[in-house]
Structure formats: C-alpha cells, structure tokens
Protein backbone atom coordinates (compact mmCIF):
# COMPACT_ATOMS: atom_id res chain seq x y z
CA MET A 1 32.39 -3.58 171.20
CA SER A 2 35.36 -5.09 169.46
CA GLY A 3 34.33 -3.26 166.22
CA ILE A 4 34.34 0.18 167.99
CA TYR A 5 37.86 -0.53 169.36
CA LEU A 6 39.09 -1.63 165.97
CA VAL A 7 37.65 1.50 164.29
CA SER A 8 39.04 3.70 167.09
CA MET A 9 42.47 2.14 166.74
CA ILE A 10 42.56 2.61 163.00
CA PHE A 11 41.68 6.30 163.25
CA VAL A 12 44.11 6.80 166.21
CA VAL A 13 46.89 5.62 163.84
CA ILE A 14 45.69 7.69 160.94
CA SER A 15 45.46 10.73 163.20
CA MET A 16 48.98 10.22 164.42
CA LEU A 17 50.24 9.90 160.88
CA VAL A 18 48.55 13.06 159.75
CA SER A 19 49.68 14.91 162.85
CA MET A 20 53.25 13.79 162.13
CA ARG A 21 52.89 14.94 158.49
CA LEU A 22 51.53 18.32 159.60
CA LYS A 23 54.45 18.79 162.09
CA GLY A 24 56.88 17.87 159.41
CA LYS A 25 55.39 20.40 156.94
CA PHE A 26 55.26 23.12 159.47
CA SER A 27 58.90 22.49 160.47
CA ALA A 28 60.01 22.58 156.77
CA TYR A 29 58.09 25.66 155.95
CA SER A 30 59.19 27.39 159.19
CA ARG A 31 62.74 27.36 157.66
CA VAL A 32 61.53 29.09 154.37
CA PRO A 33 61.98 32.84 154.85
CA LEU A 34 59.03 35.00 153.75
CA ALA A 35 60.11 37.39 150.97
CA SER A 36 58.21 40.34 152.61
CA GLY A 37 60.16 39.78 155.85
CA LEU A 38 57.01 40.35 157.90
CA SER A 39 56.42 38.38 161.12
CA GLY A 40 53.27 36.39 161.86
CA ARG A 41 52.06 39.10 164.20
CA GLU A 42 52.57 41.78 161.42
CA ILE A 43 50.85 39.55 158.89
CA ALA A 44 47.91 39.07 161.20
CA GLU A 45 47.60 42.79 162.11
CA LEU A 46 47.75 43.81 158.48
CA MET A 47 45.13 41.31 157.34
CA LEU A 48 42.81 42.40 160.21
CA ARG A 49 43.19 46.10 159.28
CA GLN A 50 42.65 45.50 155.60
CA ASN A 51 39.48 43.64 156.38
CA GLY A 52 38.23 46.61 158.53
CA ILE A 53 38.71 44.80 161.83
CA TYR A 54 40.17 46.97 164.59
CA ASP A 55 38.67 45.44 167.66
CA VAL A 56 40.68 42.05 167.53
CA LYS A 57 43.96 41.80 169.36
CA VAL A 58 46.84 39.63 168.20
CA ILE A 59 48.64 37.93 171.07
CA SER A 60 51.23 35.23 171.69
CA VAL A 61 50.47 32.02 173.58
CA GLU A 62 52.47 29.05 174.70
CA GLY A 63 52.98 25.81 172.90
CA GLN A 64 53.44 24.58 169.34
CA LEU A 65 50.54 24.59 166.87
CA THR A 66 48.34 26.08 169.53
CA ASP A 67 47.20 28.86 167.32
CA HIS A 68 43.47 29.75 167.45
CA TYR A 69 40.99 32.55 167.27
CA ASN A 70 38.84 33.27 170.39
CA PRO A 71 35.48 34.88 169.38
CA LEU A 72 34.69 35.50 173.11
CA ASP A 73 37.42 37.99 173.82
CA LYS A 74 38.20 38.60 170.07
CA THR A 75 41.83 37.60 170.12
CA VAL A 76 43.98 35.96 167.43
CA ASN A 77 46.18 33.62 169.55
CA LEU A 78 49.49 32.75 167.83
CA SER A 79 52.14 30.35 169.14
CA HIS A 80 55.54 31.93 169.76
CA ASP A 81 57.00 30.35 166.50
CA VAL A 82 54.09 31.82 164.40
CA TYR A 83 53.89 35.16 166.31
CA ASN A 84 57.67 35.95 165.97
CA GLY A 85 58.42 33.80 162.82
CA ARG A 86 59.11 35.36 159.44
CA SER A 87 58.44 32.25 157.45
CA VAL A 88 55.95 30.92 155.00
CA ALA A 89 54.52 28.67 157.75
CA ALA A 90 54.09 31.68 160.11
CA ALA A 91 52.38 33.69 157.43
CA ALA A 92 49.97 30.86 156.48
CA VAL A 93 49.02 30.08 159.99
CA ALA A 94 48.60 33.71 161.07
CA ALA A 95 46.39 34.47 158.00
CA HIS A 96 44.38 31.38 158.68
CA GLU A 97 43.50 32.46 162.16
CA CYS A 98 42.56 35.89 160.97
CA GLY A 99 40.35 34.17 158.49
CA HIS A 100 38.29 33.07 161.49
CA ALA A 101 38.17 36.70 162.78
CA VAL A 102 36.86 37.80 159.33
CA GLN A 103 34.26 35.02 159.55
CA HIS A 104 33.22 36.33 162.90
CA ALA A 105 33.03 39.94 161.68
CA THR A 106 31.04 39.01 158.70
CA ALA A 107 28.76 36.67 160.64
CA TYR A 108 29.71 33.58 158.63
CA HIS A 109 26.81 31.17 159.13
CA TRP A 110 28.83 27.89 159.76
CA LEU A 111 30.88 29.71 162.42
CA GLN A 112 27.77 31.01 164.15
CA MET A 113 26.23 27.55 164.15
CA ARG A 114 29.43 26.07 165.59
CA SER A 115 29.68 28.75 168.26
CA LYS A 116 26.08 28.00 169.42
CA LEU A 117 26.98 24.33 169.84
CA VAL A 118 30.11 25.02 171.94
CA PRO A 119 28.40 25.11 175.35
CA ILE A 120 26.21 22.09 174.62
CA VAL A 121 29.14 20.06 173.33
CA GLN A 122 31.35 21.05 176.30
CA VAL A 123 28.81 19.36 178.65
CA SER A 124 28.02 16.39 176.34
CA SER A 125 31.68 15.52 175.66
CA SER A 126 32.53 15.48 179.39
CA ILE A 127 30.02 12.76 180.01
CA VAL A 128 29.30 11.04 176.74
CA GLN A 129 32.00 8.34 177.16
CA TRP A 130 30.65 7.25 180.63
CA VAL A 131 27.08 7.24 179.36
CA LEU A 132 28.02 5.03 176.38
CA LEU A 133 29.99 2.64 178.48
CA ALA A 134 27.14 2.34 181.00
CA GLY A 135 24.69 2.02 178.10
CA ILE A 136 26.74 -0.86 176.57
CA LEU A 137 26.98 -2.71 179.93
CA LEU A 138 23.31 -2.29 180.69
CA ILE A 139 22.05 -2.69 177.20
CA SER A 140 20.01 -5.85 178.03
CA VAL A 141 18.10 -4.26 180.80
CA PHE A 142 18.19 -0.49 180.02
CA PRO A 143 18.80 0.02 176.26
CA GLN A 144 17.42 3.61 176.47
CA LEU A 145 20.64 4.69 178.28
CA LEU A 146 22.72 3.75 175.28
CA LEU A 147 20.21 5.71 173.10
CA VAL A 148 20.89 8.75 175.29
CA GLY A 149 24.67 8.13 174.84
CA ILE A 150 24.19 8.00 171.08
CA GLY A 151 22.40 11.24 171.19
CA LEU A 152 25.14 12.97 173.11
CA PHE A 153 27.76 11.55 170.82
CA ALA A 154 25.77 12.66 167.80
CA LEU A 155 26.10 16.22 169.14
CA THR A 156 29.96 16.04 169.36
CA THR A 157 29.90 14.39 165.82
CA LEU A 158 27.80 17.24 164.43
CA PHE A 159 30.29 19.67 165.90
CA SER A 160 33.20 17.91 164.23
CA VAL A 161 31.44 18.01 160.83
CA ILE A 162 30.36 21.67 161.10
CA THR A 163 34.01 22.42 161.92
CA LEU A 164 35.07 21.35 158.39
CA PRO A 165 33.47 24.18 156.37
CA VAL A 166 34.66 26.67 158.98
CA GLU A 167 38.27 25.51 158.73
CA PHE A 168 38.25 25.19 154.90
CA ASP A 169 36.65 28.65 154.54
CA ALA A 170 39.27 30.21 156.90
CA SER A 171 42.09 28.70 154.80
CA LYS A 172 40.47 29.93 151.61
CA ARG A 173 40.15 33.51 153.03
CA ALA A 174 43.73 33.31 154.08
CA LEU A 175 45.15 32.16 150.73
CA VAL A 176 43.15 34.61 148.73
CA TRP A 177 44.43 37.43 150.89
CA LEU A 178 47.97 36.31 150.92
CA ASN A 179 47.97 36.04 147.11
CA SER A 180 46.10 39.28 146.37
CA THR A 181 48.37 41.28 148.68
CA GLY A 182 51.44 39.56 147.31
CA MET A 183 52.46 38.35 150.79
CA THR A 184 53.13 34.99 149.26
CA ARG A 185 54.14 34.54 145.65
CA GLY A 186 54.83 31.50 143.37
CA GLU A 187 56.43 28.71 145.30
CA GLU A 188 55.83 30.51 148.65
CA HIS A 189 52.04 30.50 147.95
CA ASP A 190 52.15 26.80 147.05
CA GLN A 191 53.96 26.02 150.32
CA ALA A 192 51.47 28.04 152.37
CA LYS A 193 48.52 26.27 150.59
CA ASP A 194 50.20 22.82 151.34
CA ALA A 195 50.69 23.68 154.95
CA LEU A 196 47.09 24.75 155.42
CA HIS A 197 45.93 21.53 153.56
CA TRP A 198 47.62 19.31 156.08
CA ALA A 199 46.21 21.36 159.04
CA ALA A 200 42.78 20.82 157.49
CA MET A 201 43.35 17.04 157.24
CA THR A 202 43.53 16.81 161.09
CA TYR A 203 39.89 18.03 161.22
CA VAL A 204 38.86 15.80 158.36
CA VAL A 205 40.26 12.68 160.10
CA ALA A 206 38.54 13.67 163.42
CA ALA A 207 35.20 14.20 161.66
CA VAL A 208 35.37 10.86 159.67
CA ALA A 209 36.39 9.05 162.88
CA ALA A 210 33.50 10.59 164.85
CA VAL A 211 31.01 9.64 162.14
CA ALA A 212 32.31 6.01 161.88
CA THR A 213 32.20 5.62 165.69
CA LEU A 214 28.66 6.96 165.86
CA VAL A 215 27.54 4.51 163.10
CA GLN A 216 29.11 1.59 165.18
CA TYR A 217 27.12 2.53 168.28
CA ILE A 218 23.84 2.81 166.26
CA PHE A 219 24.45 -0.69 164.89
CA ILE A 220 25.00 -2.00 168.42
CA PHE A 221 21.65 -0.47 169.52
CA LEU A 222 19.77 -1.66 166.54
CA GLY A 223 21.31 -5.17 166.90
CA ASN A 224 20.06 -5.40 170.39
CA GLN A 225 16.64 -4.22 169.41
CA GLU A 226 16.41 -6.99 166.82
CA ARG A 227 17.37 -9.63 169.34
CA GLU A 228 14.54 -8.61 171.66
C-alpha cells in the first residue's frame, strides 16, 4: 500500500504543478488581445457555422476553466472569461471546445468510444475506491474482491487513456481552423498552441497516473497470489 500512496503523492504534486502552469498561461494569454477583436462566443459560433454545424448552442457557464462540450444537449459551454473574452486564450479555448462539436458531428471514433464508456465509468468511479480498499483489507481471505476492484479501476483508466486522442484531436482541429481563417496569426497562433498544449498536459498527467496506479494494484494482487 505504501507504494500506491507514494505514486499517488508524486502525481498529485505533478498535477498541481501542471495545473498552476496552465492557469498561469491562461492568465497571461488572456491579457493578449486578439487582432480580429472577436469574442470567444463569436469565435465559437463562426467555427461551428463554417463546419456546417447549426444545431449546437454556445452558452456561458460559471467558473474558471470550466469550458466543455456537452454532446447530450449539443452545447458548447464557455466560462465567462472565455465567452466574453477577446483574447488569444479565449479564442484557443473556444475553438478547442468547438473541435469536440466537430468530432461529434463527424462521428469521430475515439469520441464515440469515450461516450459509450461514460455511463459505465460514472458507476465504477463512484465505488471503485471502496472496493479496492476492501479488497486490500480482505486480500488474505477474499482476493477476488481486489480483482473486481482492479477491473473497475481498469475501466476508469481506459477512459482516461481514450480521452487523450480526443483532446489532442480537438486541439488540432482548433489550431488548423484558427490558422486557416486567419483568426490567429504569427505570435498569436504560437500562443494559442502553447495554451492548448498545457491544457492537454493535464489529461496526460491524469492518464499516466491512472496507469501507474493500476499497475501497482495488479502487482499487489499478483504478489498475494505468489505467497499462497
């Protein structure tokens, strides 16, 4: 168990550092005005229209860095700073979330796969920690319980891993569109790319942490099997 706690602590620290870096980048690029003068909402609506998408709404939501695309009600949800902002950061984030809308409209296979896992992962993630804890405590008398916990955690890990190509592809679509339409040029484009890079890093850290933790639990289970 000490190994799992150590791995968890390491990735908690890494995650905090990446999150701080992302917030710093977003704050800096939020102060860089976009040459076109368009707001995040206007960027999003324009990108949707130019991709032939007319059934997705762009709305404002509370919080900071709470931006997301909801495929269930087909909404691009932008935080206030992005929705109203007329900065490089706002343009990058708005275009990225619209990248997810384009993925949905074009039936991007990785997004479809992740969407199918959502209801399963919602259930498994709510009970997995309790099952794993009980499995560790009862491993000498009921090792199968830990195996069940490993299976549940493997599902959440798979979800984290599948999220990576979805996020990277959305950023790629966003940057291609921003560049091809001239919404970001030269240094603006480099800054937008940098902002999306650090946003993606949060997902990379989460996926690597999940894989590392899963391996730790598997080693605990196998180690117990060898002792029996």
